[in-house]
């Protein structure tokens, strides 16, 4: 599996993922920090999926948060246990993994697209604009 940003993401998914990510980035950043502080893993992974899946722990319910994507919290070791990342892919994943204080490791899971994506945390929270 390729751990770099996939050009396929730019079309169909980037807009909705970026919009939802901006709304929940503070929650994700806090969860990432906790996973690392509690020594659960150095490699937190957040799954974006359109439907509920048996992978990781539900962090943000899309229906309750009025988003398109559910967000699940997981980490590398769990992905290895579940066979998503093979033993032979651990080192490549670790080398590709970006600074978790600046980037979020997303695992986008949809019918047409499944891949890891690193997305930078926003520097400032977007303001809510009421129309």
N, C-alpha and C. Protein backbone atom coordinates (compact mmCIF):
# COMPACT_ATOMS: atom_id res chain seq x y z
N UNK A 1 0.84 -1.17 0.00
CA UNK A 1 0.00 0.00 0.00
C UNK A 1 0.89 1.24 0.00
N UNK A 2 0.51 2.23 -0.77
CA UNK A 2 1.27 3.47 -0.87
C UNK A 2 0.84 4.40 0.26
N UNK A 3 1.81 4.97 0.98
CA UNK A 3 1.48 5.82 2.12
C UNK A 3 1.60 7.31 1.79
N UNK A 4 1.75 7.64 0.53
CA UNK A 4 1.84 9.05 0.14
C UNK A 4 0.44 9.56 -0.21
N UNK A 5 0.33 10.88 -0.32
CA UNK A 5 -0.95 11.44 -0.73
C UNK A 5 -1.24 11.00 -2.16
N UNK A 6 -2.44 10.53 -2.38
CA UNK A 6 -2.84 9.96 -3.65
C UNK A 6 -3.49 11.04 -4.51
N UNK A 7 -3.07 11.18 -5.78
CA UNK A 7 -3.67 12.21 -6.63
C UNK A 7 -5.19 12.01 -6.83
N UNK A 8 -5.65 10.77 -6.70
CA UNK A 8 -7.06 10.46 -6.85
C UNK A 8 -7.90 11.21 -5.79
N UNK A 9 -7.27 11.50 -4.67
CA UNK A 9 -7.96 12.19 -3.59
C UNK A 9 -8.36 13.60 -4.00
N UNK A 10 -7.53 14.24 -4.83
CA UNK A 10 -7.76 15.63 -5.17
C UNK A 10 -9.12 15.89 -5.80
N UNK A 11 -9.63 14.97 -6.55
CA UNK A 11 -10.90 15.20 -7.21
C UNK A 11 -12.09 15.00 -6.32
N UNK A 12 -12.53 13.78 -6.22
CA UNK A 12 -13.80 13.44 -5.60
C UNK A 12 -13.86 13.71 -4.10
N UNK A 13 -12.77 13.56 -3.38
CA UNK A 13 -12.83 13.53 -1.92
C UNK A 13 -12.29 14.76 -1.20
N UNK A 14 -11.33 15.43 -1.81
CA UNK A 14 -10.61 16.47 -1.07
C UNK A 14 -11.53 17.53 -0.47
N UNK A 15 -12.51 17.98 -1.20
CA UNK A 15 -13.41 19.02 -0.69
C UNK A 15 -14.17 18.60 0.55
N UNK A 16 -14.84 17.45 0.51
CA UNK A 16 -15.64 17.03 1.66
C UNK A 16 -14.77 16.62 2.83
N UNK A 17 -13.63 15.99 2.56
CA UNK A 17 -12.73 15.60 3.64
C UNK A 17 -12.16 16.85 4.31
N UNK A 18 -11.71 17.81 3.50
CA UNK A 18 -11.13 19.04 4.06
C UNK A 18 -12.16 19.80 4.89
N UNK A 19 -13.39 19.88 4.40
CA UNK A 19 -14.44 20.60 5.12
C UNK A 19 -14.72 19.93 6.47
N UNK A 20 -14.92 18.61 6.46
CA UNK A 20 -15.18 17.89 7.70
C UNK A 20 -13.97 17.93 8.63
N UNK A 21 -12.78 17.76 8.05
CA UNK A 21 -11.56 17.78 8.86
C UNK A 21 -11.41 19.11 9.58
N UNK A 22 -11.68 20.22 8.89
CA UNK A 22 -11.57 21.55 9.50
C UNK A 22 -12.51 21.67 10.70
N UNK A 23 -13.67 21.05 10.62
CA UNK A 23 -14.66 21.15 11.71
C UNK A 23 -14.26 20.32 12.93
N UNK A 24 -13.53 19.24 12.72
CA UNK A 24 -13.21 18.33 13.83
C UNK A 24 -11.71 18.26 14.14
N UNK A 25 -10.92 19.12 13.52
CA UNK A 25 -9.46 19.02 13.67
C UNK A 25 -9.01 19.19 15.13
N UNK A 26 -9.68 20.05 15.90
CA UNK A 26 -9.29 20.21 17.30
C UNK A 26 -9.50 18.91 18.08
N UNK A 27 -10.62 18.25 17.83
CA UNK A 27 -10.93 16.98 18.49
C UNK A 27 -9.90 15.92 18.10
N UNK A 28 -9.58 15.86 16.81
CA UNK A 28 -8.61 14.88 16.32
C UNK A 28 -7.23 15.17 16.90
N UNK A 29 -6.83 16.44 16.91
CA UNK A 29 -5.51 16.81 17.43
C UNK A 29 -5.39 16.41 18.90
N UNK A 30 -6.45 16.65 19.67
CA UNK A 30 -6.44 16.29 21.10
C UNK A 30 -6.35 14.77 21.27
N UNK A 31 -7.12 14.02 20.46
CA UNK A 31 -7.08 12.56 20.54
C UNK A 31 -5.69 12.04 20.16
N UNK A 32 -5.09 12.61 19.14
CA UNK A 32 -3.74 12.22 18.71
C UNK A 32 -2.75 12.46 19.84
N UNK A 33 -2.86 13.60 20.47
CA UNK A 33 -1.97 13.93 21.58
C UNK A 33 -2.13 12.93 22.74
N UNK A 34 -3.37 12.58 23.06
CA UNK A 34 -3.63 11.63 24.15
C UNK A 34 -3.07 10.24 23.84
N UNK A 35 -3.25 9.79 22.60
CA UNK A 35 -2.73 8.47 22.20
C UNK A 35 -1.22 8.42 22.40
N UNK A 36 -0.54 9.52 22.05
CA UNK A 36 0.91 9.58 22.19
C UNK A 36 1.34 9.77 23.65
N UNK A 37 0.65 10.64 24.38
CA UNK A 37 1.00 10.88 25.79
C UNK A 37 0.83 9.64 26.65
N UNK A 38 -0.21 8.86 26.35
CA UNK A 38 -0.50 7.66 27.14
C UNK A 38 0.32 6.45 26.67
N UNK A 39 1.25 6.68 25.73
CA UNK A 39 2.10 5.62 25.18
C UNK A 39 1.30 4.47 24.58
N UNK A 40 0.14 4.78 24.02
CA UNK A 40 -0.63 3.76 23.31
C UNK A 40 0.05 3.49 21.97
N UNK A 41 0.47 4.58 21.30
CA UNK A 41 1.18 4.46 20.03
C UNK A 41 1.84 5.78 19.67
N UNK A 42 2.92 5.70 18.91
CA UNK A 42 3.55 6.90 18.36
C UNK A 42 2.89 7.27 17.03
N UNK A 43 1.99 6.39 16.55
CA UNK A 43 1.43 6.54 15.22
C UNK A 43 -0.10 6.50 15.22
N UNK A 44 -0.74 7.58 15.72
CA UNK A 44 -2.21 7.60 15.66
C UNK A 44 -2.70 7.69 14.21
N UNK A 45 -3.81 7.04 13.95
CA UNK A 45 -4.43 7.05 12.62
C UNK A 45 -5.91 7.36 12.82
N UNK A 46 -6.45 8.25 12.00
CA UNK A 46 -7.86 8.60 12.09
C UNK A 46 -8.55 8.19 10.80
N UNK A 47 -9.58 7.40 10.95
CA UNK A 47 -10.28 6.83 9.81
C UNK A 47 -11.47 7.70 9.47
N UNK A 48 -11.58 8.09 8.21
CA UNK A 48 -12.74 8.81 7.70
C UNK A 48 -13.53 7.81 6.87
N UNK A 49 -14.76 7.55 7.28
CA UNK A 49 -15.62 6.59 6.57
C UNK A 49 -17.04 7.14 6.51
N UNK A 50 -17.74 6.84 5.43
CA UNK A 50 -19.11 7.35 5.26
C UNK A 50 -20.11 6.57 6.10
N UNK A 51 -19.75 5.35 6.48
CA UNK A 51 -20.66 4.55 7.31
C UNK A 51 -19.87 4.01 8.49
N UNK A 52 -20.58 3.57 9.51
CA UNK A 52 -19.89 3.04 10.68
C UNK A 52 -19.21 1.73 10.32
N UNK A 53 -18.00 1.57 10.83
CA UNK A 53 -17.18 0.40 10.51
C UNK A 53 -16.59 -0.17 11.79
N UNK A 54 -16.24 -1.46 11.78
CA UNK A 54 -15.64 -2.07 12.98
C UNK A 54 -14.12 -1.89 13.01
N UNK A 55 -13.68 -0.64 12.97
CA UNK A 55 -12.25 -0.35 12.90
C UNK A 55 -11.98 0.86 13.78
N UNK A 56 -11.22 0.66 14.84
CA UNK A 56 -10.94 1.77 15.74
C UNK A 56 -12.14 2.10 16.61
N UNK A 57 -12.10 3.26 17.24
CA UNK A 57 -13.18 3.72 18.12
C UNK A 57 -13.83 4.94 17.50
N UNK A 58 -15.15 4.98 17.51
CA UNK A 58 -15.86 6.13 16.96
C UNK A 58 -15.50 7.38 17.76
N UNK A 59 -14.96 8.37 17.09
CA UNK A 59 -14.56 9.62 17.72
C UNK A 59 -15.60 10.72 17.45
N UNK A 60 -16.06 10.79 16.18
CA UNK A 60 -17.05 11.79 15.79
C UNK A 60 -18.10 11.09 14.95
N UNK A 61 -19.36 11.16 15.39
CA UNK A 61 -20.46 10.59 14.63
C UNK A 61 -20.92 11.65 13.62
N UNK A 62 -20.83 11.32 12.33
CA UNK A 62 -21.16 12.28 11.28
C UNK A 62 -22.60 12.78 11.39
N UNK A 63 -23.52 11.88 11.74
CA UNK A 63 -24.92 12.26 11.82
C UNK A 63 -25.15 13.29 12.93
N UNK A 64 -24.51 13.08 14.06
CA UNK A 64 -24.68 13.98 15.20
C UNK A 64 -23.97 15.31 14.98
N UNK A 65 -22.86 15.29 14.23
CA UNK A 65 -22.07 16.51 14.02
C UNK A 65 -22.42 17.20 12.70
N UNK A 66 -23.40 16.67 11.97
CA UNK A 66 -23.82 17.22 10.68
C UNK A 66 -22.65 17.27 9.69
N UNK A 67 -21.93 16.14 9.59
CA UNK A 67 -20.80 16.00 8.69
C UNK A 67 -21.08 14.88 7.69
N UNK A 68 -20.24 14.78 6.67
CA UNK A 68 -20.38 13.68 5.70
C UNK A 68 -19.63 12.43 6.13
N UNK A 69 -18.57 12.61 6.92
CA UNK A 69 -17.69 11.50 7.28
C UNK A 69 -17.73 11.24 8.78
N UNK A 70 -17.83 9.95 9.14
CA UNK A 70 -17.61 9.53 10.53
C UNK A 70 -16.10 9.53 10.74
N UNK A 71 -15.66 9.78 11.97
CA UNK A 71 -14.23 9.76 12.27
C UNK A 71 -14.00 8.73 13.37
N UNK A 72 -13.09 7.81 13.10
CA UNK A 72 -12.72 6.77 14.05
C UNK A 72 -11.26 6.96 14.43
N UNK A 73 -10.93 6.71 15.69
CA UNK A 73 -9.55 6.82 16.16
C UNK A 73 -8.93 5.42 16.22
N UNK A 74 -7.71 5.31 15.71
CA UNK A 74 -6.99 4.05 15.75
C UNK A 74 -5.50 4.37 15.80
N UNK A 75 -4.68 3.36 15.55
CA UNK A 75 -3.23 3.55 15.56
C UNK A 75 -2.57 2.39 14.82
N UNK A 76 -1.31 2.60 14.49
CA UNK A 76 -0.58 1.66 13.63
C UNK A 76 -0.64 0.22 14.14
N UNK A 77 -0.38 0.01 15.42
CA UNK A 77 -0.32 -1.36 15.94
C UNK A 77 -1.64 -2.10 15.74
N UNK A 78 -2.75 -1.38 15.85
CA UNK A 78 -4.06 -2.00 15.62
C UNK A 78 -4.24 -2.33 14.14
N UNK A 79 -3.75 -1.45 13.26
CA UNK A 79 -3.81 -1.72 11.81
C UNK A 79 -2.99 -2.95 11.45
N UNK A 80 -1.87 -3.16 12.17
CA UNK A 80 -1.04 -4.35 11.94
C UNK A 80 -1.79 -5.59 12.43
N UNK A 81 -2.37 -5.52 13.63
CA UNK A 81 -3.13 -6.65 14.18
C UNK A 81 -4.27 -7.05 13.25
N UNK A 82 -4.91 -6.05 12.64
CA UNK A 82 -6.07 -6.33 11.79
C UNK A 82 -5.68 -6.63 10.35
N UNK A 83 -4.38 -6.64 10.06
CA UNK A 83 -3.91 -7.03 8.74
C UNK A 83 -4.02 -5.95 7.67
N UNK A 84 -4.31 -4.71 8.06
CA UNK A 84 -4.41 -3.62 7.08
C UNK A 84 -3.01 -3.19 6.65
N UNK A 85 -2.09 -3.15 7.62
CA UNK A 85 -0.68 -2.91 7.33
C UNK A 85 0.04 -4.21 7.67
N UNK A 86 0.72 -4.77 6.67
CA UNK A 86 1.44 -6.02 6.89
C UNK A 86 2.73 -5.78 7.65
N UNK A 87 3.27 -6.85 8.24
CA UNK A 87 4.53 -6.75 8.98
C UNK A 87 5.62 -6.11 8.11
N UNK A 88 5.62 -6.46 6.82
CA UNK A 88 6.64 -5.94 5.92
C UNK A 88 6.44 -4.46 5.60
N UNK A 89 5.26 -3.90 5.92
CA UNK A 89 4.98 -2.50 5.62
C UNK A 89 5.17 -1.56 6.79
N UNK A 90 5.49 -2.10 7.97
CA UNK A 90 5.60 -1.27 9.17
C UNK A 90 6.70 -0.22 9.03
N UNK A 91 7.87 -0.64 8.59
CA UNK A 91 9.00 0.30 8.50
C UNK A 91 8.71 1.40 7.49
N UNK A 92 8.15 1.06 6.34
CA UNK A 92 7.82 2.07 5.32
C UNK A 92 6.77 3.05 5.87
N UNK A 93 5.79 2.53 6.61
CA UNK A 93 4.77 3.38 7.20
C UNK A 93 5.41 4.36 8.18
N UNK A 94 6.27 3.85 9.06
CA UNK A 94 6.91 4.69 10.07
C UNK A 94 7.77 5.78 9.42
N UNK A 95 8.46 5.43 8.32
CA UNK A 95 9.32 6.41 7.64
C UNK A 95 8.49 7.48 6.92
N UNK A 96 7.30 7.12 6.45
CA UNK A 96 6.44 8.04 5.72
C UNK A 96 5.62 8.91 6.66
N UNK A 97 5.40 8.42 7.88
CA UNK A 97 4.54 9.11 8.84
C UNK A 97 5.08 10.52 9.12
N UNK A 98 4.22 11.51 9.00
CA UNK A 98 4.63 12.90 9.20
C UNK A 98 4.45 13.33 10.66
N UNK A 99 5.08 14.42 11.04
CA UNK A 99 5.02 14.95 12.41
C UNK A 99 3.57 15.05 12.88
N UNK A 100 3.18 14.25 13.89
CA UNK A 100 1.79 14.23 14.34
C UNK A 100 1.33 15.51 15.04
N UNK A 101 2.25 16.43 15.31
CA UNK A 101 1.85 17.73 15.85
C UNK A 101 1.42 18.68 14.73
N UNK A 102 1.82 18.36 13.50
CA UNK A 102 1.49 19.23 12.37
C UNK A 102 0.56 18.57 11.36
N UNK A 103 0.62 17.24 11.26
CA UNK A 103 -0.17 16.52 10.27
C UNK A 103 -1.02 15.43 10.92
N UNK A 104 -2.17 15.21 10.34
CA UNK A 104 -3.03 14.11 10.77
C UNK A 104 -2.90 12.99 9.75
N UNK A 105 -2.73 11.78 10.24
CA UNK A 105 -2.72 10.62 9.37
C UNK A 105 -4.15 10.13 9.25
N UNK A 106 -4.73 10.31 8.07
CA UNK A 106 -6.09 9.84 7.82
C UNK A 106 -6.04 8.55 7.02
N UNK A 107 -6.96 7.66 7.31
CA UNK A 107 -7.17 6.49 6.49
C UNK A 107 -8.57 6.67 5.92
N UNK A 108 -8.65 7.05 4.65
CA UNK A 108 -9.93 7.31 4.01
C UNK A 108 -10.47 5.98 3.50
N UNK A 109 -11.68 5.66 3.94
CA UNK A 109 -12.27 4.36 3.61
C UNK A 109 -13.63 4.60 2.96
N UNK A 110 -13.68 4.38 1.65
CA UNK A 110 -14.93 4.55 0.91
C UNK A 110 -14.99 3.45 -0.15
N UNK A 111 -16.13 3.33 -0.81
CA UNK A 111 -16.30 2.26 -1.80
C UNK A 111 -15.29 2.36 -2.93
N UNK A 112 -15.01 3.58 -3.40
CA UNK A 112 -14.13 3.77 -4.56
C UNK A 112 -12.70 4.12 -4.21
N UNK A 113 -12.43 4.43 -2.95
CA UNK A 113 -11.11 4.93 -2.58
C UNK A 113 -10.77 4.49 -1.17
N UNK A 114 -9.62 3.86 -1.00
CA UNK A 114 -9.13 3.48 0.32
C UNK A 114 -7.63 3.74 0.33
N UNK A 115 -7.20 4.69 1.18
CA UNK A 115 -5.77 4.96 1.25
C UNK A 115 -5.45 5.85 2.44
N UNK A 116 -4.18 5.91 2.77
CA UNK A 116 -3.68 6.81 3.80
C UNK A 116 -3.46 8.18 3.18
N UNK A 117 -3.77 9.22 3.93
CA UNK A 117 -3.58 10.60 3.49
C UNK A 117 -3.08 11.39 4.68
N UNK A 118 -2.06 12.21 4.47
CA UNK A 118 -1.58 13.10 5.53
C UNK A 118 -2.09 14.49 5.23
N UNK A 119 -2.82 15.07 6.17
CA UNK A 119 -3.43 16.37 5.98
C UNK A 119 -2.96 17.28 7.11
N UNK A 120 -2.50 18.50 6.77
CA UNK A 120 -2.01 19.39 7.82
C UNK A 120 -3.15 19.92 8.68
N UNK A 121 -2.86 20.07 9.96
CA UNK A 121 -3.85 20.69 10.85
C UNK A 121 -3.96 22.16 10.48
N UNK A 122 -5.17 22.72 10.51
CA UNK A 122 -5.31 24.15 10.21
C UNK A 122 -4.59 24.99 11.26
N UNK A 123 -4.02 26.09 10.82
CA UNK A 123 -3.31 26.98 11.75
C UNK A 123 -4.32 27.73 12.63
N UNK A 124 -5.47 28.07 12.04
CA UNK A 124 -6.53 28.72 12.80
C UNK A 124 -7.84 28.03 12.51
N UNK A 125 -8.71 28.05 13.45
CA UNK A 125 -10.03 27.41 13.32
C UNK A 125 -10.88 28.26 12.38
N UNK A 126 -11.55 27.65 11.39
CA UNK A 126 -12.40 28.43 10.50
C UNK A 126 -13.58 29.02 11.27
N UNK A 127 -13.92 30.24 10.90
CA UNK A 127 -15.05 30.90 11.58
C UNK A 127 -16.34 30.41 10.96
N UNK A 128 -17.34 30.28 11.80
CA UNK A 128 -18.65 29.86 11.35
C UNK A 128 -19.33 31.06 10.72
N UNK A 129 -19.72 30.91 9.46
CA UNK A 129 -20.39 32.01 8.76
C UNK A 129 -21.84 31.64 8.60
N UNK A 130 -22.70 32.47 9.16
CA UNK A 130 -24.14 32.22 9.06
C UNK A 130 -24.69 33.03 7.90
N UNK A 131 -25.49 32.36 7.08
CA UNK A 131 -26.05 33.09 5.93
C UNK A 131 -27.50 33.42 6.16
